[in-house]
Amino acid sequence: LMAFSYNIITICLIKFTSSVYYAVAGGFKVCLVIGMSFIFFDQKLSMLSLIGIIISCVAFVANSYLTFKEKQANKATKAVLNEEESEGLITGKAKKVEEDV
């Protein structure tokens, strides 16, 4: 049942984001598991391990933020293009014609 649920969640994640984002999220998950193992199993945390975990988590958050901003920019561009396409004879709105001088 857990494996089936994991597969459904994976399919939904890839459908709504991308396979690259799924791979990045997998890396983030590994970093969280390693970080939590230091806490729960009372392991000694070296400075190098801590820096590696922090860099991975920051990279994941930065990637998520940049992907989100890119999708917002694409939506805004599509909205402007759709608005321009809605002008013309079919809608009854006058289409703007630009002339090169």
PDB file of N, CA and C in Angstrom:
ATOM      1  N   LEU A   1       0.827  -1.191   0.000  1.00  0.00           N
ATOM      2  CA  LEU A   1       0.000   0.000   0.000  1.00  0.00           C
ATOM      3  C   LEU A   1       0.874   1.259   0.000  1.00  0.00           C
ATOM      4  N   MET A   2       1.960   1.239   0.765  1.00  0.00           N
ATOM      5  CA  MET A   2       2.833   2.418   0.802  1.00  0.00           C
ATOM      6  C   MET A   2       3.532   2.612  -0.540  1.00  0.00           C
ATOM      7  N   ALA A   3       3.962   1.523  -1.176  1.00  0.00           N
ATOM      8  CA  ALA A   3       4.635   1.627  -2.472  1.00  0.00           C
ATOM      9  C   ALA A   3       3.669   2.145  -3.531  1.00  0.00           C
ATOM     10  N   PHE A   4       2.439   1.686  -3.496  1.00  0.00           N
ATOM     11  CA  PHE A   4       1.423   2.161  -4.441  1.00  0.00           C
ATOM     12  C   PHE A   4       1.172   3.660  -4.245  1.00  0.00           C
ATOM     13  N   SER A   5       1.054   4.083  -3.005  1.00  0.00           N
ATOM     14  CA  SER A   5       0.836   5.502  -2.712  1.00  0.00           C
ATOM     15  C   SER A   5       2.022   6.338  -3.168  1.00  0.00           C
ATOM     16  N   TYR A   6       3.225   5.831  -2.951  1.00  0.00           N
ATOM     17  CA  TYR A   6       4.428   6.538  -3.376  1.00  0.00           C
ATOM     18  C   TYR A   6       4.448   6.698  -4.899  1.00  0.00           C
ATOM     19  N   ASN A   7       4.065   5.640  -5.614  1.00  0.00           N
ATOM     20  CA  ASN A   7       4.030   5.713  -7.081  1.00  0.00           C
ATOM     21  C   ASN A   7       2.998   6.718  -7.573  1.00  0.00           C
ATOM     22  N   ILE A   8       1.841   6.759  -6.949  1.00  0.00           N
ATOM     23  CA  ILE A   8       0.804   7.724  -7.345  1.00  0.00           C
ATOM     24  C   ILE A   8       1.283   9.147  -7.093  1.00  0.00           C
ATOM     25  N   ILE A   9       1.904   9.378  -5.949  1.00  0.00           N
ATOM     26  CA  ILE A   9       2.427  10.714  -5.629  1.00  0.00           C
ATOM     27  C   ILE A   9       3.521  11.098  -6.616  1.00  0.00           C
ATOM     28  N   THR A  10       4.381  10.151  -6.967  1.00  0.00           N
ATOM     29  CA  THR A  10       5.449  10.413  -7.936  1.00  0.00           C
ATOM     30  C   THR A  10       4.878  10.790  -9.295  1.00  0.00           C
ATOM     31  N   ILE A  11       3.900  10.061  -9.755  1.00  0.00           N
ATOM     32  CA  ILE A  11       3.279  10.360 -11.045  1.00  0.00           C
ATOM     33  C   ILE A  11       2.644  11.745 -11.032  1.00  0.00           C
ATOM     34  N   CYS A  12       1.945  12.075  -9.962  1.00  0.00           N
ATOM     35  CA  CYS A  12       1.322  13.405  -9.857  1.00  0.00           C
ATOM     36  C   CYS A  12       2.374  14.511  -9.817  1.00  0.00           C
ATOM     37  N   LEU A  13       3.463  14.296  -9.093  1.00  0.00           N
ATOM     38  CA  LEU A  13       4.524  15.295  -9.011  1.00  0.00           C
ATOM     39  C   LEU A  13       5.142  15.543 -10.378  1.00  0.00           C
ATOM     40  N   ILE A  14       5.423  14.473 -11.118  1.00  0.00           N
ATOM     41  CA  ILE A  14       6.000  14.633 -12.456  1.00  0.00           C
ATOM     42  C   ILE A  14       4.996  15.286 -13.397  1.00  0.00           C
ATOM     43  N   LYS A  15       3.714  14.941 -13.268  1.00  0.00           N
ATOM     44  CA  LYS A  15       2.690  15.519 -14.144  1.00  0.00           C
ATOM     45  C   LYS A  15       2.564  17.023 -13.933  1.00  0.00           C
ATOM     46  N   PHE A  16       2.598  17.468 -12.690  1.00  0.00           N
ATOM     47  CA  PHE A  16       2.386  18.882 -12.404  1.00  0.00           C
ATOM     48  C   PHE A  16       3.669  19.712 -12.420  1.00  0.00           C
ATOM     49  N   THR A  17       4.830  19.069 -12.351  1.00  0.00           N
ATOM     50  CA  THR A  17       6.085  19.830 -12.407  1.00  0.00           C
ATOM     51  C   THR A  17       6.881  19.346 -13.615  1.00  0.00           C
ATOM     52  N   SER A  18       7.921  18.597 -13.399  1.00  0.00           N
ATOM     53  CA  SER A  18       8.704  18.009 -14.487  1.00  0.00           C
ATOM     54  C   SER A  18       9.565  16.892 -13.915  1.00  0.00           C
ATOM     55  N   SER A  19      10.153  16.117 -14.812  1.00  0.00           N
ATOM     56  CA  SER A  19      11.000  15.026 -14.350  1.00  0.00           C
ATOM     57  C   SER A  19      12.282  15.562 -13.720  1.00  0.00           C
ATOM     58  N   VAL A  20      12.756  16.710 -14.196  1.00  0.00           N
ATOM     59  CA  VAL A  20      13.950  17.314 -13.609  1.00  0.00           C
ATOM     60  C   VAL A  20      13.665  17.741 -12.174  1.00  0.00           C
ATOM     61  N   TYR A  21      12.501  18.349 -11.961  1.00  0.00           N
ATOM     62  CA  TYR A  21      12.130  18.779 -10.615  1.00  0.00           C
ATOM     63  C   TYR A  21      11.994  17.568  -9.693  1.00  0.00           C
ATOM     64  N   TYR A  22      11.487  16.463 -10.221  1.00  0.00           N
ATOM     65  CA  TYR A  22      11.374  15.246  -9.424  1.00  0.00           C
ATOM     66  C   TYR A  22      12.756  14.756  -9.000  1.00  0.00           C
ATOM     67  N   ALA A  23      13.724  14.816  -9.903  1.00  0.00           N
ATOM     68  CA  ALA A  23      15.087  14.402  -9.568  1.00  0.00           C
ATOM     69  C   ALA A  23      15.695  15.318  -8.510  1.00  0.00           C
ATOM     70  N   VAL A  24      15.458  16.614  -8.636  1.00  0.00           N
ATOM     71  CA  VAL A  24      15.976  17.568  -7.647  1.00  0.00           C
ATOM     72  C   VAL A  24      15.311  17.327  -6.285  1.00  0.00           C
ATOM     73  N   ALA A  25      14.005  17.084  -6.304  1.00  0.00           N
ATOM     74  CA  ALA A  25      13.292  16.802  -5.049  1.00  0.00           C
ATOM     75  C   ALA A  25      13.802  15.507  -4.418  1.00  0.00           C
ATOM     76  N   GLY A  26      14.196  14.541  -5.241  1.00  0.00           N
ATOM     77  CA  GLY A  26      14.771  13.301  -4.717  1.00  0.00           C
ATOM     78  C   GLY A  26      16.086  13.564  -3.999  1.00  0.00           C
ATOM     79  N   GLY A  27      16.891  14.457  -4.565  1.00  0.00           N
ATOM     80  CA  GLY A  27      18.137  14.841  -3.903  1.00  0.00           C
ATOM     81  C   GLY A  27      17.887  15.541  -2.586  1.00  0.00           C
ATOM     82  N   PHE A  28      16.867  16.399  -2.559  1.00  0.00           N
ATOM     83  CA  PHE A  28      16.498  17.095  -1.328  1.00  0.00           C
ATOM     84  C   PHE A  28      16.033  16.097  -0.267  1.00  0.00           C
ATOM     85  N   LYS A  29      15.274  15.100  -0.707  1.00  0.00           N
ATOM     86  CA  LYS A  29      14.788  14.072   0.214  1.00  0.00           C
ATOM     87  C   LYS A  29      15.951  13.305   0.842  1.00  0.00           C
ATOM     88  N   VAL A  30      16.951  12.969   0.028  1.00  0.00           N
ATOM     89  CA  VAL A  30      18.132  12.267   0.538  1.00  0.00           C
ATOM     90  C   VAL A  30      18.851  13.126   1.568  1.00  0.00           C
ATOM     91  N   CYS A  31      18.978  14.420   1.285  1.00  0.00           N
ATOM     92  CA  CYS A  31      19.643  15.323   2.248  1.00  0.00           C
ATOM     93  C   CYS A  31      18.872  15.383   3.566  1.00  0.00           C
ATOM     94  N   LEU A  32      17.549  15.429   3.481  1.00  0.00           N
ATOM     95  CA  LEU A  32      16.747  15.439   4.704  1.00  0.00           C
ATOM     96  C   LEU A  32      16.900  14.141   5.490  1.00  0.00           C
ATOM     97  N   VAL A  33      16.933  13.015   4.798  1.00  0.00           N
ATOM     98  CA  VAL A  33      17.091  11.725   5.480  1.00  0.00           C
ATOM     99  C   VAL A  33      18.449  11.663   6.169  1.00  0.00           C
ATOM    100  N   ILE A  34      19.483  12.113   5.482  1.00  0.00           N
ATOM    101  CA  ILE A  34      20.821  12.111   6.090  1.00  0.00           C
ATOM    102  C   ILE A  34      20.861  13.053   7.293  1.00  0.00           C
ATOM    103  N   GLY A  35      20.285  14.238   7.125  1.00  0.00           N
ATOM    104  CA  GLY A  35      20.259  15.196   8.234  1.00  0.00           C
ATOM    105  C   GLY A  35      19.485  14.684   9.430  1.00  0.00           C
ATOM    106  N   MET A  36      18.348  14.032   9.180  1.00  0.00           N
ATOM    107  CA  MET A  36      17.551  13.501  10.282  1.00  0.00           C
ATOM    108  C   MET A  36      18.236  12.307  10.951  1.00  0.00           C
ATOM    109  N   SER A  37      19.036  11.563  10.177  1.00  0.00           N
ATOM    110  CA  SER A  37      19.739  10.431  10.796  1.00  0.00           C
ATOM    111  C   SER A  37      20.761  10.923  11.820  1.00  0.00           C
ATOM    112  N   PHE A  38      21.338  12.095  11.583  1.00  0.00           N
ATOM    113  CA  PHE A  38      22.267  12.654  12.570  1.00  0.00           C
ATOM    114  C   PHE A  38      21.534  12.974  13.874  1.00  0.00           C
ATOM    115  N   ILE A  39      20.293  13.402  13.754  1.00  0.00           N
ATOM    116  CA  ILE A  39      19.516  13.778  14.942  1.00  0.00           C
ATOM    117  C   ILE A  39      19.018  12.539  15.689  1.00  0.00           C
ATOM    118  N   PHE A  40      18.377  11.622  14.963  1.00  0.00           N
ATOM    119  CA  PHE A  40      17.723  10.495  15.619  1.00  0.00           C
ATOM    120  C   PHE A  40      18.675   9.402  16.079  1.00  0.00           C
ATOM    121  N   PHE A  41      19.797   9.235  15.397  1.00  0.00           N
ATOM    122  CA  PHE A  41      20.713   8.155  15.749  1.00  0.00           C
ATOM    123  C   PHE A  41      21.953   8.659  16.479  1.00  0.00           C
ATOM    124  N   ASP A  42      21.915   9.889  16.913  1.00  0.00           N
ATOM    125  CA  ASP A  42      22.963  10.472  17.744  1.00  0.00           C
ATOM    126  C   ASP A  42      24.355  10.299  17.133  1.00  0.00           C
ATOM    127  N   GLN A  43      24.466  10.653  15.867  1.00  0.00           N
ATOM    128  CA  GLN A  43      25.761  10.597  15.200  1.00  0.00           C
ATOM    129  C   GLN A  43      26.465  11.937  15.363  1.00  0.00           C
ATOM    130  N   LYS A  44      27.782  11.897  15.259  1.00  0.00           N
ATOM    131  CA  LYS A  44      28.535  13.136  15.341  1.00  0.00           C
ATOM    132  C   LYS A  44      28.517  13.818  13.978  1.00  0.00           C
ATOM    133  N   LEU A  45      28.209  15.082  14.000  1.00  0.00           N
ATOM    134  CA  LEU A  45      28.084  15.859  12.772  1.00  0.00           C
ATOM    135  C   LEU A  45      29.372  16.634  12.545  1.00  0.00           C
ATOM    136  N   SER A  46      30.051  16.329  11.435  1.00  0.00           N
ATOM    137  CA  SER A  46      31.276  17.069  11.124  1.00  0.00           C
ATOM    138  C   SER A  46      30.897  18.355  10.389  1.00  0.00           C
ATOM    139  N   MET A  47      31.814  19.287  10.366  1.00  0.00           N
ATOM    140  CA  MET A  47      31.563  20.560   9.708  1.00  0.00           C
ATOM    141  C   MET A  47      31.325  20.352   8.213  1.00  0.00           C
ATOM    142  N   LEU A  48      32.066  19.436   7.596  1.00  0.00           N
ATOM    143  CA  LEU A  48      31.916  19.168   6.168  1.00  0.00           C
ATOM    144  C   LEU A  48      30.524  18.607   5.857  1.00  0.00           C
ATOM    145  N   SER A  49      30.044  17.703   6.693  1.00  0.00           N
ATOM    146  CA  SER A  49      28.704  17.136   6.503  1.00  0.00           C
ATOM    147  C   SER A  49      27.633  18.213   6.637  1.00  0.00           C
ATOM    148  N   LEU A  50      27.766  19.059   7.627  1.00  0.00           N
ATOM    149  CA  LEU A  50      26.802  20.124   7.849  1.00  0.00           C
ATOM    150  C   LEU A  50      26.778  21.090   6.670  1.00  0.00           C
ATOM    151  N   ILE A  51      27.949  21.465   6.186  1.00  0.00           N
ATOM    152  CA  ILE A  51      28.022  22.384   5.044  1.00  0.00           C
ATOM    153  C   ILE A  51      27.391  21.748   3.803  1.00  0.00           C
ATOM    154  N   GLY A  52      27.646  20.474   3.576  1.00  0.00           N
ATOM    155  CA  GLY A  52      27.071  19.775   2.431  1.00  0.00           C
ATOM    156  C   GLY A  52      25.554  19.722   2.485  1.00  0.00           C
ATOM    157  N   ILE A  53      25.010  19.434   3.657  1.00  0.00           N
ATOM    158  CA  ILE A  53      23.553  19.379   3.819  1.00  0.00           C
ATOM    159  C   ILE A  53      22.940  20.763   3.614  1.00  0.00           C
ATOM    160  N   ILE A  54      23.568  21.783   4.161  1.00  0.00           N
ATOM    161  CA  ILE A  54      23.044  23.150   4.014  1.00  0.00           C
ATOM    162  C   ILE A  54      23.085  23.596   2.558  1.00  0.00           C
ATOM    163  N   ILE A  55      24.186  23.324   1.859  1.00  0.00           N
ATOM    164  CA  ILE A  55      24.299  23.710   0.448  1.00  0.00           C
ATOM    165  C   ILE A  55      23.222  23.011  -0.383  1.00  0.00           C
ATOM    166  N   SER A  56      22.996  21.730  -0.135  1.00  0.00           N
ATOM    167  CA  SER A  56      21.980  20.986  -0.888  1.00  0.00           C
ATOM    168  C   SER A  56      20.592  21.556  -0.657  1.00  0.00           C
ATOM    169  N   CYS A  57      20.264  21.844   0.590  1.00  0.00           N
ATOM    170  CA  CYS A  57      18.931  22.369   0.906  1.00  0.00           C
ATOM    171  C   CYS A  57      18.738  23.764   0.315  1.00  0.00           C
ATOM    172  N   VAL A  58      19.766  24.606   0.389  1.00  0.00           N
ATOM    173  CA  VAL A  58      19.668  25.954  -0.192  1.00  0.00           C
ATOM    174  C   VAL A  58      19.518  25.860  -1.702  1.00  0.00           C
ATOM    175  N   ALA A  59      20.248  24.940  -2.342  1.00  0.00           N
ATOM    176  CA  ALA A  59      20.143  24.770  -3.792  1.00  0.00           C
ATOM    177  C   ALA A  59      18.735  24.326  -4.185  1.00  0.00           C
ATOM    178  N   PHE A  60      18.138  23.435  -3.406  1.00  0.00           N
ATOM    179  CA  PHE A  60      16.780  22.991  -3.708  1.00  0.00           C
ATOM    180  C   PHE A  60      15.786  24.142  -3.588  1.00  0.00           C
ATOM    181  N   VAL A  61      15.892  24.906  -2.524  1.00  0.00           N
ATOM    182  CA  VAL A  61      14.977  26.036  -2.324  1.00  0.00           C
ATOM    183  C   VAL A  61      15.164  27.076  -3.431  1.00  0.00           C
ATOM    184  N   ALA A  62      16.406  27.346  -3.815  1.00  0.00           N
ATOM    185  CA  ALA A  62      16.674  28.309  -4.886  1.00  0.00           C
ATOM    186  C   ALA A  62      16.097  27.817  -6.204  1.00  0.00           C
ATOM    187  N   ASN A  63      16.258  26.527  -6.487  1.00  0.00           N
ATOM    188  CA  ASN A  63      15.706  25.959  -7.717  1.00  0.00           C
ATOM    189  C   ASN A  63      14.182  26.058  -7.718  1.00  0.00           C
ATOM    190  N   SER A  64      13.563  25.767  -6.604  1.00  0.00           N
ATOM    191  CA  SER A  64      12.106  25.854  -6.511  1.00  0.00           C
ATOM    192  C   SER A  64      11.636  27.283  -6.742  1.00  0.00           C
ATOM    193  N   TYR A  65      12.310  28.238  -6.144  1.00  0.00           N
ATOM    194  CA  TYR A  65      11.941  29.649  -6.280  1.00  0.00           C
ATOM    195  C   TYR A  65      12.096  30.114  -7.725  1.00  0.00           C
ATOM    196  N   LEU A  66      13.220  29.781  -8.349  1.00  0.00           N
ATOM    197  CA  LEU A  66      13.451  30.211  -9.725  1.00  0.00           C
ATOM    198  C   LEU A  66      12.475  29.555 -10.696  1.00  0.00           C
ATOM    199  N   THR A  67      12.146  28.295 -10.470  1.00  0.00           N
ATOM    200  CA  THR A  67      11.166  27.610 -11.306  1.00  0.00           C
ATOM    201  C   THR A  67       9.795  28.258 -11.155  1.00  0.00           C
ATOM    202  N   PHE A  68       9.423  28.612  -9.937  1.00  0.00           N
ATOM    203  CA  PHE A  68       8.145  29.274  -9.683  1.00  0.00           C
ATOM    204  C   PHE A  68       8.079  30.622 -10.397  1.00  0.00           C
ATOM    205  N   LYS A  69       9.150  31.413 -10.294  1.00  0.00           N
ATOM    206  CA  LYS A  69       9.193  32.720 -10.954  1.00  0.00           C
ATOM    207  C   LYS A  69       9.126  32.579 -12.469  1.00  0.00           C
ATOM    208  N   GLU A  70       9.789  31.567 -13.011  1.00  0.00           N
ATOM    209  CA  GLU A  70       9.769  31.339 -14.457  1.00  0.00           C
ATOM    210  C   GLU A  70       8.364  30.977 -14.925  1.00  0.00           C
ATOM    211  N   LYS A  71       7.671  30.159 -14.157  1.00  0.00           N
ATOM    212  CA  LYS A  71       6.299  29.789 -14.527  1.00  0.00           C
ATOM    213  C   LYS A  71       5.368  30.996 -14.464  1.00  0.00           C
ATOM    214  N   GLN A  72       5.565  31.867 -13.468  1.00  0.00           N
ATOM    215  CA  GLN A  72       4.748  33.078 -13.388  1.00  0.00           C
ATOM    216  C   GLN A  72       5.001  33.974 -14.587  1.00  0.00           C
ATOM    217  N   ALA A  73       6.244  34.121 -15.004  1.00  0.00           N
ATOM    218  CA  ALA A  73       6.574  34.948 -16.166  1.00  0.00           C
ATOM    219  C   ALA A  73       5.959  34.357 -17.434  1.00  0.00           C
ATOM    220  N   ASN A  74       5.985  33.027 -17.562  1.00  0.00           N
ATOM    221  CA  ASN A  74       5.377  32.382 -18.729  1.00  0.00           C
ATOM    222  C   ASN A  74       3.875  32.588 -18.765  1.00  0.00           C
ATOM    223  N   LYS A  75       3.218  32.530 -17.591  1.00  0.00           N
ATOM    224  CA  LYS A  75       1.776  32.763 -17.537  1.00  0.00           C
ATOM    225  C   LYS A  75       1.440  34.193 -17.947  1.00  0.00           C
ATOM    226  N   ALA A  76       2.237  35.157 -17.496  1.00  0.00           N
ATOM    227  CA  ALA A  76       1.999  36.557 -17.846  1.00  0.00           C
ATOM    228  C   ALA A  76       2.182  36.768 -19.342  1.00  0.00           C
ATOM    229  N   THR A  77       3.188  36.140 -19.916  1.00  0.00           N
ATOM    230  CA  THR A  77       3.436  36.264 -21.359  1.00  0.00           C
ATOM    231  C   THR A  77       2.285  35.652 -22.148  1.00  0.00           C
ATOM    232  N   LYS A  78       1.813  34.495 -21.726  1.00  0.00           N
ATOM    233  CA  LYS A  78       0.690  33.850 -22.413  1.00  0.00           C
ATOM    234  C   LYS A  78      -0.569  34.697 -22.318  1.00  0.00           C
ATOM    235  N   ALA A  79      -0.791  35.331 -21.178  1.00  0.00           N
ATOM    236  CA  ALA A  79      -1.972  36.180 -21.007  1.00  0.00           C
ATOM    237  C   ALA A  79      -1.915  37.365 -21.964  1.00  0.00           C
ATOM    238  N   VAL A  80      -0.743  37.959 -22.117  1.00  0.00           N
ATOM    239  CA  VAL A  80      -0.593  39.093 -23.033  1.00  0.00           C
ATOM    240  C   VAL A  80      -0.792  38.632 -24.468  1.00  0.00           C
ATOM    241  N   LEU A  81      -0.249  37.487 -24.826  1.00  0.00           N
ATOM    242  CA  LEU A  81      -0.411  36.977 -26.190  1.00  0.00           C
ATOM    243  C   LEU A  81      -1.864  36.637 -26.484  1.00  0.00           C
ATOM    244  N   ASN A  82      -2.550  36.040 -25.519  1.00  0.00           N
ATOM    245  CA  ASN A  82      -3.961  35.712 -25.716  1.00  0.00           C
ATOM    246  C   ASN A  82      -4.799  36.973 -25.861  1.00  0.00           C
ATOM    247  N   GLU A  83      -4.446  38.023 -25.132  1.00  0.00           N
ATOM    248  CA  GLU A  83      -5.178  39.284 -25.236  1.00  0.00           C
ATOM    249  C   GLU A  83      -4.974  39.902 -26.612  1.00  0.00           C
ATOM    250  N   GLU A  84      -3.758  39.840 -27.136  1.00  0.00           N
ATOM    251  CA  GLU A  84      -3.487  40.385 -28.457  1.00  0.00           C
ATOM    252  C   GLU A  84      -4.193  39.590 -29.538  1.00  0.00           C
ATOM    253  N   GLU A  85      -4.296  38.281 -29.381  1.00  0.00           N
ATOM    254  CA  GLU A  85      -4.960  37.442 -30.370  1.00  0.00           C
ATOM    255  C   GLU A  85      -6.471  37.649 -30.358  1.00  0.00           C
ATOM    256  N   SER A  86      -7.016  38.137 -29.261  1.00  0.00           N
ATOM    257  CA  SER A  86      -8.466  38.296 -29.177  1.00  0.00           C
ATOM    258  C   SER A  86      -8.957  39.559 -29.878  1.00  0.00           C
ATOM    259  N   GLU A  87      -8.041  40.352 -30.412  1.00  0.00           N
ATOM    260  CA  GLU A  87      -8.439  41.533 -31.158  1.00  0.00           C
ATOM    261  C   GLU A  87      -8.630  41.146 -32.618  1.00  0.00           C
ATOM    262  N   GLY A  88      -9.502  41.852 -33.333  1.00  0.00           N
ATOM    263  CA  GLY A  88      -9.681  41.590 -34.756  1.00  0.00           C
ATOM    264  C   GLY A  88     -11.141  41.494 -35.128  1.00  0.00           C
ATOM    265  N   LEU A  89     -11.408  40.923 -36.305  1.00  0.00           N
ATOM    266  CA  LEU A  89     -12.759  40.896 -36.862  1.00  0.00           C
ATOM    267  C   LEU A  89     -13.728  40.039 -36.055  1.00  0.00           C
ATOM    268  N   ILE A  90     -13.266  38.944 -35.530  1.00  0.00           N
ATOM    269  CA  ILE A  90     -14.176  38.029 -34.836  1.00  0.00           C
ATOM    270  C   ILE A  90     -14.715  38.644 -33.558  1.00  0.00           C
ATOM    271  N   THR A  91     -13.907  39.344 -32.825  1.00  0.00           N
ATOM    272  CA  THR A  91     -14.339  39.912 -31.551  1.00  0.00           C
ATOM    273  C   THR A  91     -14.976  41.282 -31.713  1.00  0.00           C
ATOM    274  N   GLY A  92     -14.786  41.904 -32.853  1.00  0.00           N
ATOM    275  CA  GLY A  92     -15.338  43.237 -33.059  1.00  0.00           C
ATOM    276  C   GLY A  92     -14.431  44.344 -32.553  1.00  0.00           C
ATOM    277  N   LYS A  93     -13.306  43.992 -32.002  1.00  0.00           N
ATOM    278  CA  LYS A  93     -12.365  44.998 -31.527  1.00  0.00           C
ATOM    279  C   LYS A  93     -11.406  45.344 -32.652  1.00  0.00           C
ATOM    280  N   ALA A  94     -11.001  46.574 -32.690  1.00  0.00           N
ATOM    281  CA  ALA A  94     -10.068  47.004 -33.715  1.00  0.00           C
ATOM    282  C   ALA A  94      -8.684  46.475 -33.387  1.00  0.00           C
ATOM    283  N   LYS A  95      -8.025  45.945 -34.396  1.00  0.00           N
ATOM    284  CA  LYS A  95      -6.681  45.452 -34.210  1.00  0.00           C
ATOM    285  C   LYS A  95      -5.697  46.565 -34.507  1.00  0.00           C
ATOM    286  N   LYS A  96      -4.702  46.711 -33.628  1.00  0.00           N
ATOM    287  CA  LYS A  96      -3.707  47.760 -33.809  1.00  0.00           C
ATOM    288  C   LYS A  96      -2.693  47.337 -34.866  1.00  0.00           C
ATOM    289  N   VAL A  97      -2.443  48.235 -35.807  1.00  0.00           N
ATOM    290  CA  VAL A  97      -1.482  47.954 -36.851  1.00  0.00           C
ATOM    291  C   VAL A  97      -0.304  48.902 -36.667  1.00  0.00           C
ATOM    292  N   GLU A  98       0.876  48.327 -36.590  1.00  0.00           N
ATOM    293  CA  GLU A  98       2.072  49.136 -36.435  1.00  0.00           C
ATOM    294  C   GLU A  98       2.735  49.288 -37.786  1.00  0.00           C
ATOM    295  N   GLU A  99       3.138  50.489 -38.122  1.00  0.00           N
ATOM    296  CA  GLU A  99       3.785  50.739 -39.402  1.00  0.00           C
ATOM    297  C   GLU A  99       5.252  51.044 -39.172  1.00  0.00           C
ATOM    298  N   ASP A 100       6.078  50.481 -40.034  1.00  0.00           N
ATOM    299  CA  ASP A 100       7.507  50.779 -39.981  1.00  0.00           C
ATOM    300  C   ASP A 100       7.776  52.014 -40.821  1.00  0.00           C
ATOM    301  N   VAL A 101       8.494  52.968 -40.269  1.00  0.00           N
ATOM    302  CA  VAL A 101       8.779  54.207 -41.001  1.00  0.00           C
ATOM    303  C   VAL A 101      10.201  54.234 -41.435  1.00  0.00           C
TER     304      VAL A 101
END
